[in-house]
Amino acid sequence: MERADADMPPFDMAARWIRVTEVKAPFVLFEFTLGDPDLMVEMVMPIAALFEFRDAQRAELEIADAAVGAFSALARQQ
């Protein structure tokens, strides 16, 4: 079944999100979404690189409940 264009939300290239899913020190595992919440890639990088990536992409940062403690501890080490 095809979706009508009217049913689809507009694709906003400026909308960007990072959702941290897990921490395996010194690495942070996260999902990066661009424009459409259904369109995402999984990425891994050190926390300092993640912060640089977030700033460069002007992305909203969200941390999954299961990763909050480990992410906070890793961020304090920076």
N, C-alpha and C. Protein backbone atom coordinates (compact mmCIF):
# COMPACT_ATOMS: atom_id res chain seq x y z
N MET A 1 0.83 -1.17 0.00
CA MET A 1 0.00 0.00 0.00
C MET A 1 0.89 1.24 0.00
N GLU A 2 0.59 2.19 -0.87
CA GLU A 2 1.36 3.41 -0.96
C GLU A 2 0.80 4.47 -0.02
N ARG A 3 1.70 5.24 0.55
CA ARG A 3 1.28 6.36 1.39
C ARG A 3 1.10 7.59 0.52
N ALA A 4 0.05 8.31 0.75
CA ALA A 4 -0.14 9.56 0.03
C ALA A 4 0.82 10.60 0.58
N ASP A 5 1.31 11.47 -0.29
CA ASP A 5 2.23 12.52 0.15
C ASP A 5 1.65 13.36 1.27
N ALA A 6 0.35 13.55 1.28
CA ALA A 6 -0.30 14.36 2.30
C ALA A 6 -0.19 13.72 3.68
N ASP A 7 -0.02 12.38 3.73
CA ASP A 7 0.07 11.67 5.01
C ASP A 7 1.47 11.74 5.61
N MET A 8 2.47 12.10 4.81
CA MET A 8 3.84 12.10 5.27
C MET A 8 4.20 13.46 5.87
N PRO A 9 4.87 13.44 7.03
CA PRO A 9 5.32 14.72 7.58
C PRO A 9 6.41 15.30 6.69
N PRO A 10 6.57 16.62 6.68
CA PRO A 10 7.61 17.20 5.83
C PRO A 10 8.99 16.78 6.29
N PHE A 11 9.89 16.56 5.35
CA PHE A 11 11.26 16.17 5.64
C PHE A 11 12.04 17.44 5.94
N ASP A 12 12.53 17.57 7.15
CA ASP A 12 13.23 18.77 7.60
C ASP A 12 14.71 18.45 7.78
N MET A 13 15.54 18.86 6.84
CA MET A 13 16.97 18.57 6.90
C MET A 13 17.66 19.24 8.09
N ALA A 14 17.04 20.25 8.67
CA ALA A 14 17.64 20.94 9.82
C ALA A 14 17.39 20.19 11.13
N ALA A 15 16.43 19.28 11.13
CA ALA A 15 16.11 18.53 12.35
C ALA A 15 17.10 17.37 12.50
N ARG A 16 17.85 17.39 13.60
CA ARG A 16 18.88 16.36 13.82
C ARG A 16 18.88 15.97 15.29
N TRP A 17 19.00 14.68 15.54
CA TRP A 17 18.98 14.15 16.89
C TRP A 17 20.10 13.14 17.08
N ILE A 18 20.62 13.13 18.29
CA ILE A 18 21.57 12.10 18.72
C ILE A 18 20.96 11.45 19.94
N ARG A 19 20.84 10.13 19.91
CA ARG A 19 20.31 9.39 21.06
C ARG A 19 21.37 8.40 21.51
N VAL A 20 21.98 8.69 22.67
CA VAL A 20 22.99 7.80 23.23
C VAL A 20 22.28 6.56 23.76
N THR A 21 22.72 5.40 23.31
CA THR A 21 22.07 4.15 23.69
C THR A 21 22.88 3.32 24.66
N GLU A 22 24.22 3.50 24.62
CA GLU A 22 25.08 2.66 25.46
C GLU A 22 26.46 3.30 25.57
N VAL A 23 27.13 3.00 26.65
CA VAL A 23 28.50 3.48 26.85
C VAL A 23 29.39 2.26 27.10
N LYS A 24 30.45 2.17 26.33
CA LYS A 24 31.48 1.15 26.54
C LYS A 24 32.79 1.92 26.57
N ALA A 25 33.09 2.46 27.76
CA ALA A 25 34.21 3.39 27.91
C ALA A 25 35.44 2.87 27.19
N PRO A 26 36.09 3.72 26.45
CA PRO A 26 35.87 5.16 26.32
C PRO A 26 34.91 5.54 25.20
N PHE A 27 34.15 4.60 24.68
CA PHE A 27 33.29 4.86 23.53
C PHE A 27 31.83 5.04 23.91
N VAL A 28 31.15 5.86 23.10
CA VAL A 28 29.72 6.10 23.25
C VAL A 28 29.04 5.56 22.00
N LEU A 29 28.03 4.73 22.18
CA LEU A 29 27.25 4.20 21.08
C LEU A 29 25.98 5.04 20.98
N PHE A 30 25.64 5.46 19.76
CA PHE A 30 24.47 6.33 19.61
C PHE A 30 23.83 6.19 18.24
N GLU A 31 22.61 6.68 18.16
CA GLU A 31 21.87 6.74 16.91
C GLU A 31 21.84 8.19 16.47
N PHE A 32 22.13 8.43 15.20
CA PHE A 32 22.06 9.78 14.64
C PHE A 32 20.92 9.80 13.63
N THR A 33 20.03 10.75 13.82
CA THR A 33 18.86 10.88 12.97
C THR A 33 18.88 12.22 12.26
N LEU A 34 18.59 12.20 10.98
CA LEU A 34 18.59 13.41 10.17
C LEU A 34 17.25 13.56 9.47
N GLY A 35 16.49 14.56 9.87
CA GLY A 35 15.28 14.92 9.15
C GLY A 35 14.05 14.07 9.40
N ASP A 36 14.20 12.80 9.62
CA ASP A 36 13.06 11.89 9.76
C ASP A 36 13.42 10.86 10.84
N PRO A 37 12.63 10.76 11.91
CA PRO A 37 12.95 9.82 12.98
C PRO A 37 13.10 8.36 12.53
N ASP A 38 12.54 8.02 11.38
CA ASP A 38 12.66 6.66 10.86
C ASP A 38 13.97 6.45 10.11
N LEU A 39 14.73 7.52 9.88
CA LEU A 39 15.97 7.45 9.13
C LEU A 39 17.12 7.72 10.09
N MET A 40 17.83 6.66 10.49
CA MET A 40 18.93 6.83 11.44
C MET A 40 20.04 5.85 11.15
N VAL A 41 21.23 6.23 11.66
CA VAL A 41 22.38 5.35 11.57
C VAL A 41 22.95 5.18 12.98
N GLU A 42 23.53 4.03 13.22
CA GLU A 42 24.18 3.78 14.51
C GLU A 42 25.65 4.15 14.36
N MET A 43 26.18 4.85 15.36
CA MET A 43 27.56 5.30 15.31
C MET A 43 28.24 5.06 16.66
N VAL A 44 29.57 5.03 16.63
CA VAL A 44 30.38 4.84 17.84
C VAL A 44 31.55 5.80 17.75
N MET A 45 31.79 6.52 18.84
CA MET A 45 32.98 7.38 18.89
C MET A 45 33.28 7.75 20.33
N PRO A 46 34.49 8.23 20.59
CA PRO A 46 34.82 8.70 21.94
C PRO A 46 33.94 9.90 22.30
N ILE A 47 33.73 10.13 23.58
CA ILE A 47 32.79 11.16 24.01
C ILE A 47 33.19 12.56 23.53
N ALA A 48 34.47 12.88 23.51
CA ALA A 48 34.90 14.20 23.03
C ALA A 48 34.51 14.38 21.56
N ALA A 49 34.70 13.34 20.76
CA ALA A 49 34.31 13.40 19.35
C ALA A 49 32.80 13.50 19.21
N LEU A 50 32.06 12.85 20.10
CA LEU A 50 30.60 12.94 20.07
C LEU A 50 30.16 14.38 20.30
N PHE A 51 30.75 15.05 21.28
CA PHE A 51 30.38 16.45 21.55
C PHE A 51 30.72 17.34 20.36
N GLU A 52 31.86 17.11 19.73
CA GLU A 52 32.22 17.88 18.53
C GLU A 52 31.24 17.61 17.40
N PHE A 53 30.88 16.34 17.22
CA PHE A 53 29.92 15.95 16.18
C PHE A 53 28.57 16.61 16.44
N ARG A 54 28.11 16.57 17.71
CA ARG A 54 26.84 17.18 18.07
C ARG A 54 26.84 18.67 17.73
N ASP A 55 27.91 19.37 18.10
CA ASP A 55 27.99 20.80 17.83
C ASP A 55 28.02 21.09 16.33
N ALA A 56 28.80 20.32 15.59
CA ALA A 56 28.90 20.52 14.14
C ALA A 56 27.57 20.27 13.44
N GLN A 57 26.82 19.28 13.94
CA GLN A 57 25.54 18.93 13.33
C GLN A 57 24.38 19.75 13.87
N ARG A 58 24.63 20.48 14.96
CA ARG A 58 23.58 21.24 15.65
C ARG A 58 22.42 20.31 16.01
N ALA A 59 22.79 19.17 16.61
CA ALA A 59 21.82 18.12 16.92
C ALA A 59 21.37 18.20 18.37
N GLU A 60 20.14 17.79 18.60
CA GLU A 60 19.60 17.63 19.95
C GLU A 60 20.20 16.36 20.53
N LEU A 61 20.57 16.39 21.80
CA LEU A 61 21.16 15.23 22.46
C LEU A 61 20.19 14.63 23.44
N GLU A 62 19.95 13.34 23.31
CA GLU A 62 19.09 12.58 24.22
C GLU A 62 19.90 11.38 24.70
N ILE A 63 19.71 11.02 25.95
CA ILE A 63 20.43 9.87 26.50
C ILE A 63 19.41 8.87 27.01
N ALA A 64 19.49 7.65 26.53
CA ALA A 64 18.58 6.59 26.97
C ALA A 64 18.74 6.37 28.46
N ASP A 65 17.64 6.05 29.13
CA ASP A 65 17.66 5.84 30.58
C ASP A 65 18.76 4.88 31.01
N ALA A 66 18.95 3.80 30.25
CA ALA A 66 19.93 2.78 30.60
C ALA A 66 21.37 3.28 30.50
N ALA A 67 21.60 4.40 29.79
CA ALA A 67 22.95 4.90 29.57
C ALA A 67 23.28 6.14 30.39
N VAL A 68 22.31 6.68 31.12
CA VAL A 68 22.51 7.95 31.82
C VAL A 68 23.68 7.90 32.79
N GLY A 69 23.73 6.91 33.66
CA GLY A 69 24.79 6.83 34.67
C GLY A 69 26.17 6.73 34.06
N ALA A 70 26.34 5.83 33.13
CA ALA A 70 27.65 5.62 32.50
C ALA A 70 28.05 6.84 31.67
N PHE A 71 27.08 7.45 30.98
CA PHE A 71 27.38 8.63 30.18
C PHE A 71 27.81 9.79 31.07
N SER A 72 27.10 10.01 32.17
CA SER A 72 27.44 11.08 33.10
C SER A 72 28.84 10.88 33.67
N ALA A 73 29.16 9.65 34.06
CA ALA A 73 30.48 9.36 34.61
C ALA A 73 31.58 9.63 33.57
N LEU A 74 31.35 9.23 32.34
CA LEU A 74 32.33 9.44 31.29
C LEU A 74 32.48 10.93 30.98
N ALA A 75 31.37 11.66 30.97
CA ALA A 75 31.40 13.10 30.68
C ALA A 75 32.15 13.85 31.77
N ARG A 76 32.04 13.42 33.01
CA ARG A 76 32.77 14.08 34.12
C ARG A 76 34.27 13.94 33.97
N GLN A 77 34.72 12.90 33.29
CA GLN A 77 36.15 12.68 33.09
C GLN A 77 36.75 13.63 32.06
N GLN A 78 35.92 14.29 31.32
CA GLN A 78 36.38 15.19 30.26
C GLN A 78 36.90 16.50 30.82
